[in-house]
Amino acid sequence: MNSFKLGRCWGWLRWPNGFFVGAGLLSHMSPKLDGDGLFPDIDFDDATGFNAEIGWKWISVHYANITCESDLFEDIDASHIGARFTWRVGAPD
């Protein structure tokens, strides 16, 4: 599934030892399921969901809860869990 993702953070809590937590909205814009010739491509409506993240310094685990809807196909649960590696320019170690 392909889409452009945009996250909006409601808030971050950061501690001096490097740990942090955050939560906010996640938007999938122009989601599309590419059939690769096996079935027709399916375009979905833009979707908005919830994102939560917990991490330490440059690594974090996140959870996203989001559902993509289409008039021509059933709804798809695009919720997922993942890992993020982040490098912030100018941030202290």
Foldseek 3Di string as FASTA:
>chain_A
DDFDKDWDWPDKDADPQFKIKTKGKMKTCFDKDPPVPVDHIFTWHIKMWMKIWIDGHFKIKMWTFIWTHGPVDHIDTPIDIDMGGDDDPPDDD
